[in-house]
Protein backbone atom coordinates (compact mmCIF):
# COMPACT_ATOMS: atom_id res chain seq x y z
CA MET A 1 97.33 114.92 97.40
CA SER A 2 100.73 113.40 96.15
CA GLU A 3 102.14 110.36 97.91
CA ARG A 4 105.10 110.53 99.98
CA LEU A 5 107.92 107.71 99.23
CA LEU A 6 109.97 106.79 102.08
CA ARG A 7 113.80 105.37 101.45
CA LEU A 8 114.66 102.40 103.34
CA GLU A 9 116.57 104.27 106.20
CA ALA A 10 113.22 106.01 107.11
CA VAL A 11 111.16 102.61 106.98
CA GLU A 12 113.66 101.06 109.27
CA ASP A 13 113.04 103.91 111.65
CA ARG A 14 109.48 103.79 111.41
CA ILE A 15 109.08 100.00 111.92
CA GLY A 16 112.00 99.29 113.97
CA LEU A 17 113.51 96.53 111.81
CA LYS A 18 116.55 96.31 109.71
CA LYS A 19 117.07 95.99 105.94
CA SER A 20 117.50 92.32 105.78
CA LYS A 21 114.41 91.59 107.79
CA ILE A 22 112.03 94.29 105.78
CA TYR A 23 113.43 92.43 102.63
CA MET A 24 112.39 88.92 103.81
CA MET A 25 109.31 90.18 104.86
CA VAL A 26 108.59 91.75 101.22
CA SER A 27 109.84 88.33 99.58
CA ALA A 28 107.20 86.42 101.80
CA GLY A 29 104.44 89.14 100.83
CA GLU A 30 104.02 90.25 104.59
CA PHE A 31 105.33 93.60 103.91
CA PRO A 32 104.53 96.27 100.99
CA ARG A 33 106.83 95.91 98.08
CA PRO A 34 109.01 98.99 97.28
CA VAL A 35 108.86 101.17 94.24
CA LYS A 36 112.03 101.21 92.11
CA LEU A 37 113.56 104.76 91.80
CA GLY A 38 115.86 105.98 89.26
CA ASN A 39 117.93 103.31 87.71
CA GLY A 40 116.34 100.85 89.89
CA HIS A 41 118.92 100.44 92.42
CA ILE A 42 117.07 102.82 94.68
CA ASN A 43 113.75 101.87 96.44
CA GLY A 44 111.08 103.81 98.02
CA TRP A 45 107.86 102.79 100.16
CA PRO A 46 104.64 104.44 99.70
CA GLU A 47 104.47 105.92 102.93
CA ASN A 48 100.65 105.16 103.24
CA GLU A 49 101.30 101.51 102.89
CA VAL A 50 103.87 101.42 105.64
CA THR A 51 101.49 103.41 107.71
CA ALA A 52 98.75 100.85 107.04
CA TRP A 53 100.95 98.04 107.66
CA ILE A 54 101.79 99.48 111.18
CA LYS A 55 98.05 99.99 111.96
CA ALA A 56 97.46 96.35 110.83
CA ARG A 57 100.06 95.22 113.44
CA ILE A 58 98.37 97.48 116.16
CA ALA A 59 94.94 95.73 115.28
CA GLU A 60 96.17 92.39 115.17
CA ARG A 61 97.80 92.91 118.95
CA GLY A 62 94.21 94.04 120.07
CA GLU A 63 92.76 90.86 118.63
CA ALA A 64 95.29 88.82 120.31
CA VAL A 65 94.26 89.60 123.80
């Protein structure tokens, strides 16, 4: 099965955060690192890693109760 890469706009839509916060979290090791596409000025995130990050946030919510 091939892996789908999500562009920044799709990641923003999926997780509800904007570019600056996403890159801050990437720098802090709190969000998956993007894959460089083309000449390196375009990034994509593996969809399965973004989905796993979302599922982990949901699981954490359940543990905090």
